[in-house]
Amino acid sequence: MKVNVFLKKFDRVIAWVLAVLFLAMMISGYMSVKGSYRFHHGRNELIILGVMLHTQLDLPLMLLFSIHFAINLKFALMRHGFKDSFGLNLICLIIALALLLFIIYLDLS
């Protein structure tokens, strides 16, 4: 049971990191499209920074999302009657890895 408590606490940390990364992704996407109208000097640098952040944050965001998804999938399946076992952990891990590998494949192609 101590593993489940650790997973819940770890998931909370991941959720906050995901929220911050998602906010950075939104801001960098806006910067790459609109730039900043307040500062006309250096606007190109902001657009370049926005595009760089937006393209570099996708894989860390998807990695953390896959971990977050796997942890919550385990607890959702346990609520629906599945027993906490090695098999359940393995199924959740395989699903999360398949999701992550699919996203990496899409990112590289």
Protein backbone atom coordinates (compact mmCIF):
# COMPACT_ATOMS: atom_id res chain seq x y z
CA MET A 1 0.00 0.00 0.00
CA LYS A 2 2.90 2.37 0.54
CA VAL A 3 3.59 2.24 -3.19
CA ASN A 4 0.08 3.53 -3.92
CA VAL A 5 0.53 6.44 -1.50
CA PHE A 6 3.83 7.30 -3.18
CA LEU A 7 2.22 7.09 -6.62
CA LYS A 8 -0.57 9.47 -5.57
CA LYS A 9 1.92 12.02 -4.22
CA PHE A 10 4.16 11.61 -7.27
CA ASP A 11 1.13 12.11 -9.52
CA ARG A 12 0.26 15.37 -7.75
CA VAL A 13 3.76 16.68 -8.40
CA ILE A 14 3.56 15.61 -12.04
CA ALA A 15 0.16 17.30 -12.38
CA TRP A 16 1.58 20.62 -11.17
CA VAL A 17 4.60 20.33 -13.47
CA LEU A 18 2.22 19.53 -16.33
CA ALA A 19 0.16 22.62 -15.53
CA VAL A 20 3.26 24.84 -15.60
CA LEU A 21 4.55 23.26 -18.83
CA PHE A 22 1.13 23.56 -20.45
CA LEU A 23 0.99 27.24 -19.51
CA ALA A 24 4.48 27.75 -20.97
CA MET A 25 3.36 25.92 -24.10
CA MET A 26 0.32 28.20 -24.45
CA ILE A 27 2.36 31.37 -23.91
CA SER A 28 5.10 30.28 -26.32
CA GLY A 29 2.49 29.37 -28.93
CA TYR A 30 0.96 32.81 -28.60
CA MET A 31 4.43 34.39 -28.77
CA SER A 32 5.22 32.49 -31.96
CA VAL A 33 1.97 33.58 -33.62
CA LYS A 34 1.45 37.12 -32.34
CA GLY A 35 4.71 38.19 -30.78
CA SER A 36 4.52 41.17 -28.47
CA TYR A 37 2.94 44.43 -29.54
CA ARG A 38 4.27 46.40 -26.58
CA PHE A 39 7.91 45.96 -27.45
CA HIS A 40 8.59 46.62 -31.10
CA HIS A 41 12.34 46.43 -30.55
CA GLY A 42 13.36 42.81 -30.18
CA ARG A 43 10.08 41.39 -31.44
CA ASN A 44 11.85 38.93 -33.74
CA GLU A 45 13.79 37.52 -30.79
CA LEU A 46 10.52 36.92 -28.93
CA ILE A 47 9.05 35.12 -31.92
CA ILE A 48 12.18 32.95 -32.23
CA LEU A 49 12.07 32.21 -28.48
CA GLY A 50 8.37 31.36 -28.72
CA VAL A 51 8.89 28.94 -31.61
CA MET A 52 11.90 27.34 -29.91
CA LEU A 53 10.02 26.83 -26.63
CA HIS A 54 6.91 25.59 -28.38
CA THR A 55 8.82 22.98 -30.36
CA GLN A 56 11.05 21.86 -27.47
CA LEU A 57 8.38 21.46 -24.79
CA ASP A 58 6.26 18.88 -26.59
CA LEU A 59 8.22 15.74 -25.71
CA PRO A 60 8.71 16.52 -21.99
CA LEU A 61 5.03 17.42 -21.82
CA MET A 62 3.99 14.14 -23.44
CA LEU A 63 6.36 12.10 -21.26
CA LEU A 64 4.86 13.57 -18.11
CA PHE A 65 1.35 13.18 -19.49
CA SER A 66 2.00 9.48 -20.19
CA ILE A 67 3.22 8.94 -16.62
CA HIS A 68 0.23 10.87 -15.25
CA PHE A 69 -2.12 8.83 -17.43
CA ALA A 70 -0.63 5.48 -16.37
CA ILE A 71 -0.86 6.28 -12.66
CA ASN A 72 -4.46 7.46 -12.90
CA LEU A 73 -5.41 4.54 -15.16
CA LYS A 74 -4.19 2.15 -12.46
CA PHE A 75 -6.32 3.82 -9.78
CA ALA A 76 -9.35 4.04 -12.08
CA LEU A 77 -9.12 0.33 -12.87
CA MET A 78 -8.76 -0.44 -9.16
CA ARG A 79 -11.95 1.55 -8.46
CA HIS A 80 -13.74 -0.61 -11.03
CA GLY A 81 -12.81 -3.85 -9.31
CA PHE A 82 -9.37 -4.79 -10.63
CA LYS A 83 -7.02 -6.02 -7.92
CA ASP A 84 -3.76 -4.22 -7.28
CA SER A 85 -1.28 -6.68 -8.76
CA PHE A 86 1.80 -6.95 -10.92
CA GLY A 87 -0.42 -7.64 -13.94
CA LEU A 88 -2.35 -4.41 -13.48
CA ASN A 89 0.88 -2.45 -13.12
CA LEU A 90 2.25 -4.11 -16.25
CA ILE A 91 -0.87 -3.35 -18.29
CA CYS A 92 -0.80 0.32 -17.25
CA LEU A 93 2.91 0.55 -18.04
CA ILE A 94 2.46 -1.03 -21.48
CA ILE A 95 -0.40 1.33 -22.33
CA ALA A 96 1.61 4.38 -21.21
CA LEU A 97 4.69 3.27 -23.15
CA ALA A 98 2.61 2.61 -26.26
CA LEU A 99 1.12 6.10 -25.99
CA LEU A 100 4.54 7.68 -25.49
CA LEU A 101 6.15 5.73 -28.34
CA PHE A 102 3.31 6.70 -30.68
CA ILE A 103 3.78 10.37 -29.80
CA ILE A 104 7.56 10.11 -30.29
CA TYR A 105 6.95 8.45 -33.66
CA LEU A 106 4.63 11.30 -34.68
CA ASP A 107 7.17 13.87 -33.48
CA LEU A 108 10.04 12.32 -35.43
CA SER A 109 8.14 11.82 -38.67
